[in-house]
Amino acid sequence: MSLTVPEIVALGLFDSRNCFPGMTETTSRHVTTYEIEQHIEAGGTAWLDGVPHPIEQGSILFVKPGQERRSTLHFKCRYLKFQTKDPAIQELLDTVPEIFETSREEEYASILDAMREIEVEDSYEWEVRMGAKLLELIGLLHEDAGRFVRQQTMLPGRINDRKLRFILEYIDANYRYPLSLESLAAQVSYSPIYFHKLFCAAMGKTPRKYILDRRIRAAREMLLIGNIPLSNIAMECGFSSQSYFNYIFKKETGMTPSAYIRENNDRYSGQKEED
């Protein structure tokens, strides 16, 4: 069986701080190509068809034509956009989950970096070498998709997709308020113990950790705005006091809120000087 090599639309490195300085969220757009992102650092959220997917370092995001996507900033990634009309390749890509963690991070990085190097070459072999790398990447995606599906089928139970979407939206709307395991479980009519087990299986982290990550992301966004008192940020992001916020933020990010502000201000100032 012969395959038609997909057509590459764009590839490169993406840093949302450079492309969207001062912004905290992108506008929604309709996706027309296949899009692959390998995230270089944690931070931000990818929204696909209204469902939030927290961005973790090393995670793979795979977006398909026809989906609606937007992003809560900020994040860095390697990216590739391509299109194909080959039925066999389309069928293979349909099995790839939207976002997943991989133990083969270096392989993805190696292929994507090699494709960027090939792109700048002036050689008649360019198209052949680029096509070979793209097919290698698609094969890697397919293998990881199979692993992901096998892991999911081994889980003791799965939360209903509609209920999962509801509870994630509920957390996103209420993270600034106290949220207990019991109150979350009650929202979807599960016992706390069973809800905790299903949530961990679906999201790869506990509800408490998911809520904490959401609060930290919100705090990062507010810190980048500037001129907001830390006490206000702590309250708006669901922390009981500024001192507790300072402690948790440093524990999760490795720096204090004030240091985070300085680092991003220095980075932005440096970019403006270069421009």
Protein backbone atom coordinates (compact mmCIF):
# COMPACT_ATOMS: atom_id res chain seq x y z
CA MET A 1 0.00 0.00 0.00
CA SER A 2 1.40 3.39 -1.01
CA LEU A 3 1.04 6.52 1.12
CA THR A 4 0.86 10.15 0.10
CA VAL A 5 3.30 12.12 2.24
CA PRO A 6 1.49 14.86 4.21
CA GLU A 7 2.15 18.51 3.38
CA ILE A 8 3.96 20.59 6.01
CA VAL A 9 2.34 23.98 6.64
CA ALA A 10 4.53 25.41 9.41
CA LEU A 11 7.01 24.37 12.09
CA GLY A 12 9.28 25.98 14.62
CA LEU A 13 9.63 27.10 18.23
CA PHE A 14 6.83 29.09 19.86
CA ASP A 15 7.05 31.31 22.95
CA SER A 16 3.74 32.97 23.78
CA ARG A 17 5.54 35.72 25.72
CA ASN A 18 7.12 36.91 22.47
CA CYS A 19 3.99 36.55 20.34
CA PHE A 20 1.42 37.78 22.85
CA PRO A 21 3.19 40.11 25.33
CA GLY A 22 0.86 41.48 27.95
CA MET A 23 -1.93 39.05 27.05
CA THR A 24 -3.28 36.25 29.22
CA GLU A 25 -5.47 34.43 26.68
CA THR A 26 -5.74 34.01 22.92
CA THR A 27 -8.96 34.30 20.95
CA SER A 28 -10.72 31.15 19.82
CA ARG A 29 -9.91 29.91 16.31
CA HIS A 30 -11.11 27.15 14.01
CA VAL A 31 -8.34 24.64 13.29
CA THR A 32 -7.86 23.69 9.61
CA THR A 33 -4.70 21.53 9.83
CA TYR A 34 -3.25 18.88 12.11
CA GLU A 35 -1.21 20.57 14.87
CA ILE A 36 1.42 18.95 17.10
CA GLU A 37 2.96 20.73 20.09
CA GLN A 38 5.66 19.42 22.40
CA HIS A 39 5.64 21.63 25.47
CA ILE A 40 9.04 22.80 26.70
CA GLU A 41 7.78 24.23 30.00
CA ALA A 42 4.70 23.91 32.19
CA GLY A 43 2.18 26.73 32.32
CA GLY A 44 -0.98 27.82 30.63
CA THR A 45 -3.93 25.77 29.41
CA ALA A 46 -4.94 24.49 25.99
CA TRP A 47 -8.71 24.65 25.41
CA LEU A 48 -10.00 22.24 22.75
CA ASP A 49 -13.72 22.36 21.97
CA GLY A 50 -14.30 23.99 25.34
CA VAL A 51 -12.41 21.39 27.38
CA PRO A 52 -9.35 22.64 29.34
CA HIS A 53 -6.07 20.70 29.13
CA PRO A 54 -3.40 21.96 31.56
CA ILE A 55 -0.01 22.23 29.87
CA GLU A 56 2.77 20.24 31.54
CA GLN A 57 6.44 20.14 30.58
CA GLY A 58 7.05 17.40 28.04
CA SER A 59 3.38 16.82 27.25
CA ILE A 60 2.22 16.32 23.66
CA LEU A 61 -0.79 18.24 22.33
CA PHE A 62 -2.41 16.96 19.14
CA VAL A 63 -5.14 19.06 17.52
CA LYS A 64 -7.21 17.88 14.57
CA PRO A 65 -8.90 19.78 11.74
CA GLY A 66 -12.36 21.02 12.68
CA GLN A 67 -11.63 21.62 16.35
CA GLU A 68 -11.98 24.99 18.09
CA ARG A 69 -8.99 25.98 20.20
CA ARG A 70 -7.73 28.80 22.35
CA SER A 71 -4.97 29.06 24.93
CA THR A 72 -4.52 30.48 28.39
CA LEU A 73 -1.00 31.90 28.42
CA HIS A 74 1.94 31.53 28.87
CA PHE A 75 3.84 28.50 27.49
CA LYS A 76 6.68 27.42 25.19
CA CYS A 77 6.64 24.58 22.69
CA ARG A 78 8.04 23.01 19.57
CA TYR A 79 5.25 22.91 16.99
CA LEU A 80 4.35 21.45 13.63
CA LYS A 81 1.31 22.01 11.42
CA PHE A 82 0.58 19.72 8.49
CA GLN A 83 -2.29 18.49 6.34
CA THR A 84 -3.05 15.20 4.64
CA LYS A 85 -5.79 13.74 2.47
CA ASP A 86 -4.43 10.20 2.64
CA PRO A 87 -7.23 8.02 4.14
CA ALA A 88 -4.79 5.58 5.77
CA ILE A 89 -2.88 8.35 7.54
CA GLN A 90 -6.11 10.10 8.56
CA GLU A 91 -7.41 6.86 10.07
CA LEU A 92 -4.17 6.42 11.99
CA LEU A 93 -4.24 10.00 13.29
CA ASP A 94 -7.83 9.62 14.48
CA THR A 95 -6.55 7.32 17.25
CA VAL A 96 -4.20 9.93 18.75
CA PRO A 97 -5.51 11.53 21.99
CA GLU A 98 -5.68 15.31 22.31
CA ILE A 99 -3.03 15.59 25.02
CA PHE A 100 -0.86 13.04 26.77
CA GLU A 101 2.41 12.64 28.62
CA THR A 102 5.14 10.56 27.01
CA SER A 103 8.25 8.75 28.17
CA ARG A 104 9.78 9.39 24.73
CA GLU A 105 10.21 13.13 25.05
CA GLU A 106 13.74 13.11 23.61
CA GLU A 107 12.57 11.29 20.47
CA TYR A 108 9.90 13.92 19.75
CA ALA A 109 12.42 16.71 20.36
CA SER A 110 15.00 15.06 18.12
CA ILE A 111 12.60 14.66 15.19
CA LEU A 112 11.14 18.17 15.46
CA ASP A 113 14.58 19.78 15.82
CA ALA A 114 15.88 17.80 12.84
CA MET A 115 12.92 19.01 10.74
CA ARG A 116 13.74 22.62 11.61
CA GLU A 117 17.34 22.06 10.52
CA ILE A 118 16.25 20.45 7.25
CA GLU A 119 13.87 23.36 6.57
CA VAL A 120 16.73 25.87 6.21
CA GLU A 121 18.83 23.64 3.94
CA ASP A 122 19.14 24.42 0.23
CA SER A 123 19.07 20.90 -1.13
CA TYR A 124 17.12 18.92 -3.72
CA GLU A 125 16.75 16.22 -1.05
CA TRP A 126 14.80 18.63 1.20
CA GLU A 127 11.34 17.29 0.37
CA VAL A 128 12.33 13.62 0.70
CA ARG A 129 14.15 14.08 4.03
CA MET A 130 11.39 16.25 5.47
CA GLY A 131 8.71 13.77 4.41
CA ALA A 132 10.62 10.89 5.98
CA LYS A 133 10.89 12.74 9.30
CA LEU A 134 7.20 13.61 9.27
CA LEU A 135 6.22 9.98 8.69
CA GLU A 136 8.58 8.98 11.51
CA LEU A 137 6.84 11.47 13.79
CA ILE A 138 3.39 10.19 12.82
CA GLY A 139 4.55 6.65 13.58
CA LEU A 140 5.75 7.76 17.01
CA LEU A 141 2.40 9.45 17.68
CA HIS A 142 0.57 6.25 16.70
CA GLU A 143 2.71 4.13 19.05
CA ASP A 144 2.11 6.52 21.95
CA ALA A 145 -1.62 6.57 21.18
CA GLY A 146 -1.70 2.79 21.43
CA ARG A 147 0.12 2.91 24.76
CA PHE A 148 -2.30 5.54 26.04
CA VAL A 149 -5.36 3.50 25.03
CA ARG A 150 -3.97 0.36 26.67
CA GLN A 151 -3.34 2.25 29.91
CA GLN A 152 -6.85 3.68 29.87
CA THR A 153 -8.48 0.28 29.36
CA MET A 154 -6.60 -1.05 32.41
CA LEU A 155 -8.11 1.59 34.71
CA PRO A 156 -10.78 0.38 37.17
CA GLY A 157 -13.28 2.96 35.91
CA ARG A 158 -13.55 6.17 33.93
CA ILE A 159 -15.43 9.34 34.64
CA ASN A 160 -18.11 10.18 32.10
CA ASP A 161 -16.75 12.72 29.55
CA ARG A 162 -19.71 15.04 30.08
CA LYS A 163 -19.26 14.94 33.84
CA LEU A 164 -15.52 15.48 33.52
CA ARG A 165 -16.08 18.54 31.34
CA PHE A 166 -18.64 19.85 33.82
CA ILE A 167 -16.38 19.43 36.85
CA LEU A 168 -13.40 21.04 35.10
CA GLU A 169 -15.53 24.01 34.09
CA TYR A 170 -16.89 24.17 37.64
CA ILE A 171 -13.35 24.30 39.06
CA ASP A 172 -12.35 26.92 36.50
CA ALA A 173 -15.28 29.12 37.57
CA ASN A 174 -14.87 28.58 41.32
CA TYR A 175 -11.16 28.02 42.06
CA ARG A 176 -11.04 31.32 44.00
CA TYR A 177 -13.42 29.82 46.57
CA PRO A 178 -12.86 26.91 49.00
CA LEU A 179 -13.40 23.61 47.14
CA SER A 180 -13.57 20.37 49.09
CA LEU A 181 -13.44 16.85 47.70
CA GLU A 182 -16.94 16.29 49.08
CA SER A 183 -18.39 19.35 47.34
CA LEU A 184 -16.82 18.41 44.00
CA ALA A 185 -18.04 14.82 44.21
CA ALA A 186 -21.55 16.05 45.01
CA GLN A 187 -21.58 18.11 41.81
CA VAL A 188 -21.46 14.91 39.73
CA SER A 189 -23.31 12.62 42.16
CA TYR A 190 -20.34 10.43 43.10
CA SER A 191 -19.04 9.41 46.49
CA PRO A 192 -15.87 11.32 47.45
CA ILE A 193 -13.70 8.19 47.36
CA TYR A 194 -14.98 7.03 43.96
CA PHE A 195 -14.80 10.54 42.50
CA HIS A 196 -11.20 10.90 43.69
CA LYS A 197 -10.22 7.62 42.02
CA LEU A 198 -11.89 8.48 38.70
CA PHE A 199 -10.55 12.03 38.63
CA CYS A 200 -6.98 10.84 39.24
CA ALA A 201 -7.34 8.25 36.47
CA ALA A 202 -8.65 10.82 33.98
CA MET A 203 -6.39 13.78 34.81
CA GLY A 204 -3.23 12.11 36.15
CA LYS A 205 -3.36 14.15 39.35
CA THR A 206 -5.55 14.52 42.44
CA PRO A 207 -8.41 17.05 42.52
CA ARG A 208 -6.49 19.01 45.14
CA LYS A 209 -3.39 19.19 42.94
CA TYR A 210 -5.48 20.16 39.90
CA ILE A 211 -7.12 23.01 41.84
CA LEU A 212 -3.76 24.18 43.17
CA ASP A 213 -2.28 24.20 39.66
CA ARG A 214 -5.27 26.22 38.43
CA ARG A 215 -4.78 28.75 41.23
CA ILE A 216 -1.07 29.05 40.47
CA ARG A 217 -1.80 29.61 36.76
CA ALA A 218 -4.30 32.32 37.66
CA ALA A 219 -1.76 33.94 39.97
CA ARG A 220 0.89 33.90 37.25
CA GLU A 221 -1.52 35.64 34.87
CA MET A 222 -2.36 38.34 37.43
CA LEU A 223 1.30 38.87 38.34
CA LEU A 224 2.11 39.54 34.68
CA ILE A 225 -0.55 42.25 34.51
CA GLY A 226 1.32 44.27 37.13
CA ASN A 227 0.19 46.88 39.64
CA ILE A 228 -2.04 44.44 41.53
CA PRO A 229 -1.27 44.10 45.25
CA LEU A 230 -0.12 40.61 46.23
CA SER A 231 -2.81 40.49 48.92
CA ASN A 232 -5.47 41.00 46.23
CA ILE A 233 -3.93 38.31 44.01
CA ALA A 234 -3.88 35.89 46.94
CA MET A 235 -7.56 36.50 47.65
CA GLU A 236 -8.64 36.36 43.99
CA CYS A 237 -6.78 33.09 43.42
CA GLY A 238 -8.20 31.25 46.41
CA PHE A 239 -5.38 31.52 48.95
CA SER A 240 -6.27 32.20 52.57
CA SER A 241 -3.57 34.86 53.10
CA GLN A 242 -0.72 36.61 51.32
CA SER A 243 1.88 34.77 53.41
CA TYR A 244 0.38 31.39 52.50
CA PHE A 245 0.23 32.46 48.84
CA ASN A 246 3.92 33.44 48.94
CA TYR A 247 4.83 30.09 50.49
CA ILE A 248 2.84 27.96 48.04
CA PHE A 249 3.85 29.97 44.97
CA LYS A 250 7.56 29.56 45.79
CA LYS A 251 7.07 25.87 46.55
CA GLU A 252 5.36 25.27 43.19
CA THR A 253 7.41 27.55 40.92
CA GLY A 254 10.77 27.83 42.68
CA MET A 255 10.52 31.60 43.10
CA THR A 256 8.56 34.13 45.12
CA PRO A 257 5.78 36.14 43.46
CA SER A 258 7.97 39.26 43.57
CA ALA A 259 10.88 37.40 41.92
CA TYR A 260 8.48 36.09 39.25
CA ILE A 261 7.40 39.66 38.45
CA ARG A 262 11.02 40.86 38.24
CA GLU A 263 12.10 37.99 36.01
CA ASN A 264 9.30 38.55 33.52
CA ASN A 265 9.76 42.33 33.55
CA ASP A 266 13.49 41.89 32.88
CA ARG A 267 12.76 39.43 30.07
CA TYR A 268 10.21 41.73 28.44
CA SER A 269 12.51 44.76 28.80
CA GLY A 270 15.31 42.82 27.16
CA GLN A 271 13.07 41.89 24.24
CA LYS A 272 12.06 45.54 23.74
CA GLU A 273 15.71 46.65 23.72
CA GLU A 274 16.54 44.02 21.10
CA ASP A 275 13.62 45.20 18.97
